[in-house]
Amino acid sequence: MAFQQELIGWYLVNKRNLPWRHTQNPYIIWLSEIILQQTRVEQGLPYFNRFLEAYPTVQDFAAATETQVLKLWQGLGYYSRGRNMLFTARQIMDLHAGVFPVSYQDLIKLKGVGEYTAAAISSFSSGEAKAVLDGNVFRVLSRYFGISSPINSTAGKKEFTELAQSLIYKEDPALYNQAIMEFGALQCKPKSPDCEVCPLMLSCYAKNNNLIPVLPVKLKTVKVRTRYINYFVCENDDKVLVNKRILEDIWQHLYDFPSIETAVAADTDQEEFIKEVKQKFGLDVVIRPLMQVKHLLTHQIIYVQFFALDNYIINFNISAEANWVTWADLDQLPQPKILTKFINFYFNK
């Protein structure tokens, strides 16, 4: 039990004062866990506070519209998480009469709730002895026990899951889970951890074998995709033409401008690009370059160009998702971060 006791002792001294650590309410814990997935605490905390203020209960969340949820979510990325949260809230209303479940077996059946999230909510809200296994925990276990199995391989996940569960501190699973996650986040950091003040230093395999930069091991399986998106700003008095993204792609159900995606960076000197623009907006259209931005997503690099259009024609029978809105109305609609950046530039240039 020395490993667990060292972690808990460290945690009680060094833990951050975070609002979701002062409750056993499964809804509030769920809210924090989903928001903090792939998001730093510093970035996610303001979103957590806004969501909890807007929707203090799961019943309130379930009554929201998708547009309202996505607008609050704007800027966090991974927008499917926001959509899944709304689905889950409504699922709880339908399947659990509005009572948020606390058992792992019930939680794992909810949309957007994986093994880690189900373990976190069940242990934090009801003390269920389920070990959490996120990136921080993978790193601590891999380094301390010297495990070189890739954390994103089938065999590796099985090995780490079994080890994590065998280490769970059954007297207080919630405390132990919080401790090992916080230890990975603050002490056993991915880069340049301060090993000299680590309470586990003497028995850490990676420290004693100079493997800190090597562990944990992760297979590189995802290729980065490069895309070129060209947005067209069509104004009519105080209104601008917007498009709701309905395809299963990045920024699904968010609002942006009409666009054309090209295989390479577009230019107003390129015949093919001009031809495609004229097919979409009429033969007399005039194109004016406005702004270029590089936008990074987890597995995509997107080069975005904005063009202003004059003398354009819009066929609303073909562009069914296009609609006129005022600039003020657009500000109230959920939109990609890249669009917000452009609007700020456009009105402050």
Protein backbone atom coordinates (compact mmCIF):
# COMPACT_ATOMS: atom_id res chain seq x y z
CA MET A 1 0.00 0.00 0.00
CA ALA A 2 3.07 2.29 0.05
CA PHE A 3 2.41 3.45 -3.55
CA GLN A 4 -1.19 4.42 -2.81
CA GLN A 5 -0.37 6.07 0.52
CA GLU A 6 2.45 8.14 -0.99
CA LEU A 7 0.11 9.39 -3.72
CA ILE A 8 -2.68 10.24 -1.29
CA GLY A 9 -0.26 11.99 1.07
CA TRP A 10 1.11 14.07 -1.79
CA TYR A 11 -2.42 14.87 -3.01
CA LEU A 12 -3.68 16.12 0.35
CA VAL A 13 -0.86 18.69 0.38
CA ASN A 14 -0.71 19.67 -3.30
CA LYS A 15 -4.23 19.30 -4.73
CA ARG A 16 -5.83 22.18 -6.60
CA ASN A 17 -9.01 23.71 -5.23
CA LEU A 18 -11.45 22.84 -8.03
CA PRO A 19 -15.24 23.27 -7.68
CA TRP A 20 -16.21 19.74 -8.75
CA ARG A 21 -14.10 18.30 -5.92
CA HIS A 22 -16.52 19.69 -3.34
CA THR A 23 -19.53 17.64 -4.41
CA GLN A 24 -20.75 14.10 -4.93
CA ASN A 25 -23.43 15.27 -7.35
CA PRO A 26 -22.98 12.98 -10.39
CA TYR A 27 -24.37 15.60 -12.79
CA ILE A 28 -21.80 18.21 -11.76
CA ILE A 29 -19.00 15.61 -11.90
CA TRP A 30 -20.16 14.49 -15.36
CA LEU A 31 -20.21 18.10 -16.52
CA SER A 32 -16.63 18.64 -15.40
CA GLU A 33 -15.34 15.35 -16.80
CA ILE A 34 -16.79 15.86 -20.28
CA ILE A 35 -15.66 19.47 -20.50
CA LEU A 36 -12.13 18.58 -19.36
CA GLN A 37 -11.68 15.76 -21.87
CA GLN A 38 -8.79 16.86 -24.13
CA THR A 39 -8.94 20.28 -22.45
CA ARG A 40 -6.63 21.85 -19.85
CA VAL A 41 -8.21 22.74 -16.50
CA GLU A 42 -7.31 26.42 -16.95
CA GLN A 43 -9.15 26.50 -20.28
CA GLY A 44 -12.09 24.34 -19.22
CA LEU A 45 -12.92 25.95 -15.85
CA PRO A 46 -14.70 29.04 -17.28
CA TYR A 47 -16.79 26.76 -19.53
CA PHE A 48 -17.69 24.55 -16.56
CA ASN A 49 -18.84 27.59 -14.59
CA ARG A 50 -20.90 28.93 -17.52
CA PHE A 51 -22.58 25.58 -18.16
CA LEU A 52 -23.40 25.03 -14.49
CA GLU A 53 -24.85 28.52 -14.23
CA ALA A 54 -26.96 28.07 -17.37
CA TYR A 55 -28.00 24.49 -16.57
CA PRO A 56 -27.81 23.82 -12.81
CA THR A 57 -29.47 20.40 -13.17
CA VAL A 58 -29.58 17.66 -15.76
CA GLN A 59 -33.25 18.51 -16.28
CA ASP A 60 -32.26 22.06 -17.25
CA PHE A 61 -29.60 20.73 -19.62
CA ALA A 62 -32.05 18.35 -21.29
CA ALA A 63 -34.43 21.25 -21.99
CA ALA A 64 -31.77 23.24 -23.87
CA THR A 65 -31.57 23.45 -27.65
CA GLU A 66 -28.56 22.22 -29.59
CA THR A 67 -27.84 25.77 -30.77
CA GLN A 68 -27.76 27.04 -27.16
CA VAL A 69 -25.42 24.24 -26.06
CA LEU A 70 -23.05 24.68 -29.01
CA LYS A 71 -22.92 28.44 -28.46
CA LEU A 72 -21.84 27.92 -24.84
CA TRP A 73 -19.38 25.29 -26.05
CA GLN A 74 -17.90 27.59 -28.71
CA GLY A 75 -14.10 27.67 -28.58
CA LEU A 76 -13.62 24.34 -26.76
CA GLY A 77 -13.31 22.27 -29.93
CA TYR A 78 -14.41 18.66 -30.37
CA TYR A 79 -18.00 19.84 -30.79
CA SER A 80 -19.33 16.28 -30.84
CA ARG A 81 -18.79 16.31 -27.07
CA GLY A 82 -21.29 19.14 -26.71
CA ARG A 83 -23.83 17.41 -28.92
CA ASN A 84 -23.33 14.14 -27.04
CA MET A 85 -23.90 15.90 -23.72
CA LEU A 86 -27.30 17.12 -24.85
CA PHE A 87 -28.19 13.63 -26.08
CA THR A 88 -27.04 12.14 -22.74
CA ALA A 89 -29.07 14.62 -20.67
CA ARG A 90 -32.19 13.72 -22.63
CA GLN A 91 -31.30 10.02 -22.37
CA ILE A 92 -31.21 10.36 -18.57
CA MET A 93 -34.63 11.99 -18.63
CA ASP A 94 -36.04 9.14 -20.73
CA LEU A 95 -34.29 6.13 -19.19
CA HIS A 96 -33.71 7.25 -15.58
CA ALA A 97 -36.62 9.63 -14.95
CA GLY A 98 -34.20 12.56 -14.69
CA VAL A 99 -32.13 10.95 -11.92
CA PHE A 100 -28.44 10.91 -12.87
CA PRO A 101 -27.10 7.33 -12.48
CA VAL A 102 -24.10 6.67 -10.23
CA SER A 103 -23.23 3.02 -10.96
CA TYR A 104 -20.54 2.17 -13.50
CA GLN A 105 -22.81 -0.27 -15.33
CA ASP A 106 -25.53 2.36 -15.84
CA LEU A 107 -23.10 5.13 -16.69
CA ILE A 108 -21.20 3.18 -19.35
CA LYS A 109 -24.43 2.83 -21.34
CA LEU A 110 -24.80 6.59 -21.75
CA LYS A 111 -23.75 8.27 -25.00
CA GLY A 112 -20.35 9.91 -24.81
CA VAL A 113 -19.46 8.16 -21.53
CA GLY A 114 -16.50 5.81 -21.91
CA GLU A 115 -14.74 3.56 -19.42
CA TYR A 116 -12.67 6.35 -17.87
CA THR A 117 -15.61 8.75 -17.43
CA ALA A 118 -17.87 6.03 -16.03
CA ALA A 119 -15.17 5.04 -13.52
CA ALA A 120 -14.58 8.66 -12.51
CA ILE A 121 -18.26 9.51 -11.97
CA SER A 122 -19.07 6.26 -10.16
CA SER A 123 -16.10 6.52 -7.78
CA PHE A 124 -16.42 10.26 -7.10
CA SER A 125 -20.20 10.22 -6.60
CA SER A 126 -20.81 6.88 -4.88
CA GLY A 127 -17.41 5.49 -3.86
CA GLU A 128 -17.54 2.59 -6.31
CA ALA A 129 -14.15 0.84 -6.49
CA LYS A 130 -13.49 1.50 -10.19
CA ALA A 131 -10.02 2.67 -11.18
CA VAL A 132 -9.73 5.63 -13.54
CA LEU A 133 -7.36 5.36 -16.46
CA ASP A 134 -6.68 8.61 -18.33
CA GLY A 135 -3.51 9.99 -19.89
CA ASN A 136 -2.15 11.11 -16.53
CA VAL A 137 -2.71 7.71 -14.93
CA PHE A 138 -1.18 5.87 -17.91
CA ARG A 139 1.95 8.01 -17.52
CA VAL A 140 2.32 7.48 -13.77
CA LEU A 141 1.83 3.72 -13.99
CA SER A 142 4.07 3.30 -17.01
CA ARG A 143 6.96 5.20 -15.45
CA TYR A 144 6.67 3.90 -11.90
CA PHE A 145 6.26 0.22 -12.83
CA GLY A 146 8.39 0.35 -16.00
CA ILE A 147 5.70 -0.77 -18.44
CA SER A 148 6.71 -0.37 -22.09
CA SER A 149 3.53 -1.80 -23.64
CA PRO A 150 1.98 0.85 -25.92
CA ILE A 151 -0.86 2.54 -24.07
CA ASN A 152 -2.99 2.68 -27.23
CA SER A 153 -2.59 -0.98 -28.16
CA THR A 154 -5.18 -3.63 -27.27
CA ALA A 155 -2.70 -5.62 -25.19
CA GLY A 156 -1.38 -2.47 -23.52
CA LYS A 157 -4.83 -1.21 -22.54
CA LYS A 158 -5.66 -4.61 -21.02
CA GLU A 159 -2.41 -4.67 -19.05
CA PHE A 160 -2.85 -1.15 -17.68
CA THR A 161 -6.52 -1.70 -16.88
CA GLU A 162 -5.76 -4.80 -14.84
CA LEU A 163 -2.89 -3.07 -13.01
CA ALA A 164 -4.94 0.06 -12.27
CA GLN A 165 -7.82 -1.96 -10.87
CA SER A 166 -5.48 -4.05 -8.71
CA LEU A 167 -4.09 -0.87 -7.15
CA ILE A 168 -7.43 0.78 -6.30
CA TYR A 169 -7.52 1.92 -2.68
CA LYS A 170 -10.77 0.28 -1.59
CA GLU A 171 -11.03 2.25 1.65
CA ASP A 172 -11.50 5.45 -0.39
CA PRO A 173 -11.52 4.87 -4.18
CA ALA A 174 -12.51 8.47 -4.92
CA LEU A 175 -9.59 9.90 -2.97
CA TYR A 176 -7.10 7.54 -4.61
CA ASN A 177 -8.43 8.19 -8.12
CA GLN A 178 -8.22 11.94 -7.59
CA ALA A 179 -4.72 11.57 -6.18
CA ILE A 180 -3.20 9.59 -9.05
CA MET A 181 -4.81 11.83 -11.68
CA GLU A 182 -3.60 15.00 -9.96
CA PHE A 183 -0.14 13.51 -9.48
CA GLY A 184 0.12 12.90 -13.22
CA ALA A 185 -1.16 16.37 -14.03
CA LEU A 186 1.08 18.34 -11.65
CA GLN A 187 4.04 16.18 -10.64
CA CYS A 188 4.67 13.39 -13.16
CA LYS A 189 4.20 15.72 -16.14
CA PRO A 190 4.76 14.63 -19.75
CA LYS A 191 7.84 16.83 -20.17
CA SER A 192 10.47 17.84 -17.62
CA PRO A 193 8.87 16.41 -14.46
CA ASP A 194 10.61 17.53 -11.27
CA CYS A 195 11.76 14.07 -10.22
CA GLU A 196 14.06 15.34 -7.49
CA VAL A 197 11.09 16.33 -5.29
CA CYS A 198 8.92 13.34 -6.23
CA PRO A 199 7.85 11.17 -3.27
CA LEU A 200 8.03 8.09 -5.52
CA MET A 201 11.55 8.85 -6.83
CA LEU A 202 13.46 6.08 -5.03
CA SER A 203 11.19 3.28 -6.27
CA CYS A 204 10.32 4.69 -9.73
CA TYR A 205 11.54 2.34 -12.49
CA ALA A 206 11.77 5.06 -15.14
CA LYS A 207 13.78 7.38 -12.86
CA ASN A 208 16.20 4.65 -11.86
CA ASN A 209 16.70 3.49 -15.46
CA ASN A 210 16.77 6.87 -17.24
CA LEU A 211 13.50 6.15 -19.07
CA ILE A 212 11.52 9.25 -18.12
CA PRO A 213 11.59 10.67 -21.70
CA VAL A 214 10.72 7.25 -23.17
CA LEU A 215 7.72 6.18 -21.10
CA PRO A 216 4.86 5.84 -21.69
CA VAL A 217 5.05 4.33 -25.17
CA LYS A 218 2.36 5.23 -27.70
CA LEU A 219 1.91 3.88 -31.20
CA LYS A 220 1.76 6.51 -33.93
CA THR A 221 -1.27 5.54 -35.97
CA VAL A 222 -3.03 8.75 -36.99
CA LYS A 223 -2.01 10.65 -40.11
CA VAL A 224 -2.40 14.41 -40.14
CA ARG A 225 -4.64 15.63 -42.94
CA THR A 226 -4.07 18.97 -44.68
CA ARG A 227 -7.11 20.86 -46.00
CA TYR A 228 -7.75 24.13 -47.83
CA ILE A 229 -11.08 25.85 -47.10
CA ASN A 230 -12.10 29.06 -48.86
CA TYR A 231 -14.84 31.14 -47.24
CA PHE A 232 -16.89 33.73 -49.11
CA VAL A 233 -18.30 36.79 -47.35
CA CYS A 234 -21.53 37.91 -49.06
CA GLU A 235 -23.02 41.04 -47.54
CA ASN A 236 -26.41 42.64 -48.14
CA ASP A 237 -26.82 45.89 -46.19
CA ASP A 238 -26.32 44.85 -42.53
CA LYS A 239 -26.80 41.16 -43.28
CA VAL A 240 -24.35 38.41 -44.18
CA LEU A 241 -24.93 35.02 -45.77
CA VAL A 242 -24.31 32.11 -43.41
CA ASN A 243 -24.32 28.38 -43.84
CA LYS A 244 -25.23 25.69 -41.30
CA ARG A 245 -22.82 22.75 -41.49
CA ILE A 246 -24.93 19.61 -41.64
CA LEU A 247 -22.46 17.04 -42.96
CA GLU A 248 -20.58 14.71 -40.62
CA ASP A 249 -17.37 16.68 -40.67
CA ILE A 250 -15.54 19.21 -38.52
CA TRP A 251 -17.76 21.89 -36.94
CA GLN A 252 -20.95 19.90 -37.56
CA HIS A 253 -24.11 21.95 -36.78
CA LEU A 254 -22.10 25.15 -36.40
CA TYR A 255 -22.62 28.21 -38.59
CA ASP A 256 -20.05 29.56 -41.03
CA PHE A 257 -19.93 31.26 -44.45
CA PRO A 258 -20.50 29.57 -47.84
CA SER A 259 -17.29 27.83 -48.82
CA ILE A 260 -15.41 25.85 -51.41
CA GLU A 261 -12.77 23.32 -50.40
CA THR A 262 -9.84 22.94 -52.78
CA ALA A 263 -7.05 20.39 -53.09
CA VAL A 264 -4.35 23.06 -52.86
CA ALA A 265 -4.19 26.68 -51.70
CA ALA A 266 -6.54 28.75 -53.84
CA ASP A 267 -5.57 31.92 -55.67
CA THR A 268 -7.53 34.45 -57.69
CA ASP A 269 -5.13 33.77 -60.58
CA GLN A 270 -6.09 30.08 -60.75
CA GLU A 271 -8.49 29.36 -63.60
CA GLU A 272 -10.01 26.26 -61.98
CA PHE A 273 -10.70 28.10 -58.73
CA ILE A 274 -12.28 31.09 -60.51
CA LYS A 275 -14.38 28.75 -62.64
CA GLU A 276 -15.69 26.94 -59.53
CA VAL A 277 -16.51 30.24 -57.79
CA LYS A 278 -18.44 31.47 -60.86
CA GLN A 279 -20.39 28.22 -61.07
CA LYS A 280 -21.49 28.73 -57.47
CA PHE A 281 -21.98 32.52 -57.40
CA GLY A 282 -22.61 33.61 -61.02
CA LEU A 283 -20.49 34.63 -64.00
CA ASP A 284 -20.27 38.31 -63.00
CA VAL A 285 -19.01 37.68 -59.47
CA VAL A 286 -16.05 39.77 -58.31
CA ILE A 287 -13.62 38.20 -55.80
CA ARG A 288 -11.57 40.19 -53.30
CA PRO A 289 -9.07 38.46 -50.95
CA LEU A 290 -9.50 39.46 -47.29
CA MET A 291 -7.54 37.27 -44.92
CA GLN A 292 -5.55 34.03 -44.64
CA VAL A 293 -5.34 31.94 -41.46
CA LYS A 294 -3.77 28.60 -40.51
CA HIS A 295 -5.96 26.58 -38.14
CA LEU A 296 -4.73 23.51 -36.25
CA LEU A 297 -6.97 20.65 -35.13
CA THR A 298 -5.85 17.39 -33.53
CA HIS A 299 -5.48 15.48 -36.78
CA GLN A 300 -5.92 18.23 -39.33
CA ILE A 301 -4.08 21.31 -40.54
CA ILE A 302 -6.54 23.69 -42.19
CA TYR A 303 -5.50 26.61 -44.33
CA VAL A 304 -8.43 29.04 -44.43
CA GLN A 305 -8.83 31.93 -46.84
CA PHE A 306 -11.59 34.53 -46.68
CA PHE A 307 -12.79 36.30 -49.81
CA ALA A 308 -15.34 39.10 -50.18
CA LEU A 309 -17.76 38.73 -53.08
CA ASP A 310 -19.50 41.44 -55.15
CA ASN A 311 -22.09 40.97 -57.90
CA TYR A 312 -22.87 37.46 -56.67
CA ILE A 313 -26.02 35.39 -57.20
CA ILE A 314 -27.31 32.93 -54.59
CA ASN A 315 -29.45 29.96 -55.65
CA PHE A 316 -31.25 29.08 -52.42
CA ASN A 317 -32.73 25.95 -54.03
CA ILE A 318 -29.22 24.54 -54.31
CA SER A 319 -27.83 26.16 -51.16
CA ALA A 320 -30.63 25.03 -48.87
CA GLU A 321 -28.60 25.52 -45.68
CA ALA A 322 -27.71 29.13 -46.55
CA ASN A 323 -29.59 32.01 -44.97
CA TRP A 324 -29.30 35.76 -44.39
CA VAL A 325 -28.64 36.91 -40.81
CA THR A 326 -27.54 40.21 -39.36
CA TRP A 327 -24.00 40.44 -38.03
CA ALA A 328 -25.52 40.81 -34.56
CA ASP A 329 -27.54 37.61 -35.01
CA LEU A 330 -24.45 35.76 -36.22
CA ASP A 331 -22.75 36.69 -32.96
CA GLN A 332 -25.44 34.68 -31.13
CA LEU A 333 -24.99 31.57 -33.28
CA PRO A 334 -22.43 28.84 -32.53
CA GLN A 335 -19.55 29.18 -34.96
CA PRO A 336 -16.03 27.79 -35.50
CA LYS A 337 -13.30 29.62 -33.63
CA ILE A 338 -11.72 30.54 -36.96
CA LEU A 339 -14.86 32.48 -37.92
CA THR A 340 -14.85 34.44 -34.67
CA LYS A 341 -11.22 35.34 -35.29
CA PHE A 342 -12.09 36.62 -38.77
CA ILE A 343 -15.08 38.66 -37.56
CA ASN A 344 -12.94 40.34 -34.90
CA PHE A 345 -10.40 41.19 -37.60
CA TYR A 346 -13.06 42.32 -40.08
CA PHE A 347 -14.69 44.81 -37.74
CA ASN A 348 -11.44 46.10 -36.22
CA LYS A 349 -9.25 46.41 -39.30
